[in-house]
Amino acid sequence: MPFIIRGVSLLGIASAGTARAQRDQVWERLAGPWKPAHLDAICTRETTLDELPQVFPTMLAGGSFGRTVVRL
């Protein structure tokens, strides 16, 4: 099922064709002055790829709130 139907957003930056120096500069800004002020309120849970299967049942049952960050 597509993300949009499930209410899921996959956010990121398509930077593959951009020079490395410029990508580094943008990522540095995204981690600093451009970082959303309310990010802590949005991200309510962190998990790893290995732990992800245990997260899905709670999400599918409607028991999750906010966004879950998957640490690679």
C-alpha atoms as a PDB file:
ATOM      1  CA  MET A   1       0.000   0.000   0.000  1.00  0.00           C
ATOM      2  CA  PRO A   2       1.455   3.445  -0.876  1.00  0.00           C
ATOM      3  CA  PHE A   3       2.769   5.638   1.932  1.00  0.00           C
ATOM      4  CA  ILE A   4       0.246   8.401   1.291  1.00  0.00           C
ATOM      5  CA  ILE A   5      -2.719   6.079   1.872  1.00  0.00           C
ATOM      6  CA  ARG A   6      -1.253   4.944   5.195  1.00  0.00           C
ATOM      7  CA  GLY A   7      -0.455   8.503   6.289  1.00  0.00           C
ATOM      8  CA  VAL A   8       3.306   7.875   6.219  1.00  0.00           C
ATOM      9  CA  SER A   9       5.860  10.412   5.015  1.00  0.00           C
ATOM     10  CA  LEU A  10       9.274   9.433   3.748  1.00  0.00           C
ATOM     11  CA  LEU A  11      11.351  12.586   4.024  1.00  0.00           C
ATOM     12  CA  GLY A  12      14.825  13.143   2.690  1.00  0.00           C
ATOM     13  CA  ILE A  13      17.019  14.985   0.274  1.00  0.00           C
ATOM     14  CA  ALA A  14      17.872  13.896  -3.256  1.00  0.00           C
ATOM     15  CA  SER A  15      21.460  15.059  -3.373  1.00  0.00           C
ATOM     16  CA  ALA A  16      23.179  12.365  -5.456  1.00  0.00           C
ATOM     17  CA  GLY A  17      23.969  14.740  -8.345  1.00  0.00           C
ATOM     18  CA  THR A  18      25.229  17.550  -6.125  1.00  0.00           C
ATOM     19  CA  ALA A  19      28.900  18.271  -5.431  1.00  0.00           C
ATOM     20  CA  ARG A  20      30.159  16.748  -2.173  1.00  0.00           C
ATOM     21  CA  ALA A  21      31.173  20.125  -0.681  1.00  0.00           C
ATOM     22  CA  GLN A  22      27.723  21.565  -1.311  1.00  0.00           C
ATOM     23  CA  ARG A  23      25.991  18.467   0.132  1.00  0.00           C
ATOM     24  CA  ASP A  24      28.141  18.662   3.273  1.00  0.00           C
ATOM     25  CA  GLN A  25      27.265  22.331   3.686  1.00  0.00           C
ATOM     26  CA  VAL A  26      23.515  21.703   3.344  1.00  0.00           C
ATOM     27  CA  TRP A  27      23.569  18.733   5.732  1.00  0.00           C
ATOM     28  CA  GLU A  28      25.527  20.823   8.256  1.00  0.00           C
ATOM     29  CA  ARG A  29      22.843  23.512   8.100  1.00  0.00           C
ATOM     30  CA  LEU A  30      20.041  20.958   8.412  1.00  0.00           C
ATOM     31  CA  ALA A  31      21.692  19.654  11.573  1.00  0.00           C
ATOM     32  CA  GLY A  32      22.135  23.189  12.932  1.00  0.00           C
ATOM     33  CA  PRO A  33      20.360  26.464  12.146  1.00  0.00           C
ATOM     34  CA  TRP A  34      17.779  24.936   9.767  1.00  0.00           C
ATOM     35  CA  LYS A  35      16.808  22.151  12.173  1.00  0.00           C
ATOM     36  CA  PRO A  36      13.109  22.456  13.083  1.00  0.00           C
ATOM     37  CA  ALA A  37      12.666  23.854  16.591  1.00  0.00           C
ATOM     38  CA  HIS A  38       9.817  21.467  17.410  1.00  0.00           C
ATOM     39  CA  LEU A  39      11.580  18.294  16.242  1.00  0.00           C
ATOM     40  CA  ASP A  40      11.648  16.785  19.756  1.00  0.00           C
ATOM     41  CA  ALA A  41       7.860  17.057  19.948  1.00  0.00           C
ATOM     42  CA  ILE A  42       7.420  15.417  16.540  1.00  0.00           C
ATOM     43  CA  CYS A  43       9.870  12.558  17.050  1.00  0.00           C
ATOM     44  CA  THR A  44       8.398  10.515  19.865  1.00  0.00           C
ATOM     45  CA  ARG A  45      10.299   7.279  19.324  1.00  0.00           C
ATOM     46  CA  GLU A  46      13.595   6.002  17.959  1.00  0.00           C
ATOM     47  CA  THR A  47      14.310   2.471  16.805  1.00  0.00           C
ATOM     48  CA  THR A  48      16.869   0.511  14.835  1.00  0.00           C
ATOM     49  CA  LEU A  49      16.290  -1.581  11.733  1.00  0.00           C
ATOM     50  CA  ASP A  50      16.575  -4.736  13.853  1.00  0.00           C
ATOM     51  CA  GLU A  51      13.913  -3.493  16.304  1.00  0.00           C
ATOM     52  CA  LEU A  52      11.538  -2.323  13.575  1.00  0.00           C
ATOM     53  CA  PRO A  53       9.443  -5.523  13.364  1.00  0.00           C
ATOM     54  CA  GLN A  54       8.475  -5.049  17.031  1.00  0.00           C
ATOM     55  CA  VAL A  55       7.314  -1.473  16.335  1.00  0.00           C
ATOM     56  CA  PHE A  56       4.842  -2.331  13.552  1.00  0.00           C
ATOM     57  CA  PRO A  57       2.135  -4.053  15.648  1.00  0.00           C
ATOM     58  CA  THR A  58       1.771  -0.986  17.874  1.00  0.00           C
ATOM     59  CA  MET A  59       1.593   1.310  14.850  1.00  0.00           C
ATOM     60  CA  LEU A  60      -0.947  -0.862  13.037  1.00  0.00           C
ATOM     61  CA  ALA A  61      -3.107  -1.008  16.164  1.00  0.00           C
ATOM     62  CA  GLY A  62      -3.180   2.810  16.284  1.00  0.00           C
ATOM     63  CA  GLY A  63      -1.044   2.952  19.413  1.00  0.00           C
ATOM     64  CA  SER A  64       1.690   5.248  18.147  1.00  0.00           C
ATOM     65  CA  PHE A  65       1.896   9.020  18.372  1.00  0.00           C
ATOM     66  CA  GLY A  66       4.211  11.364  16.489  1.00  0.00           C
ATOM     67  CA  ARG A  67       7.013  10.083  14.298  1.00  0.00           C
ATOM     68  CA  THR A  68       9.421   7.193  14.694  1.00  0.00           C
ATOM     69  CA  VAL A  69      13.011   7.740  13.608  1.00  0.00           C
ATOM     70  CA  VAL A  70      14.825   4.668  12.334  1.00  0.00           C
ATOM     71  CA  ARG A  71      18.539   4.819  13.156  1.00  0.00           C
ATOM     72  CA  LEU A  72      20.655   3.063  10.551  1.00  0.00           C
END
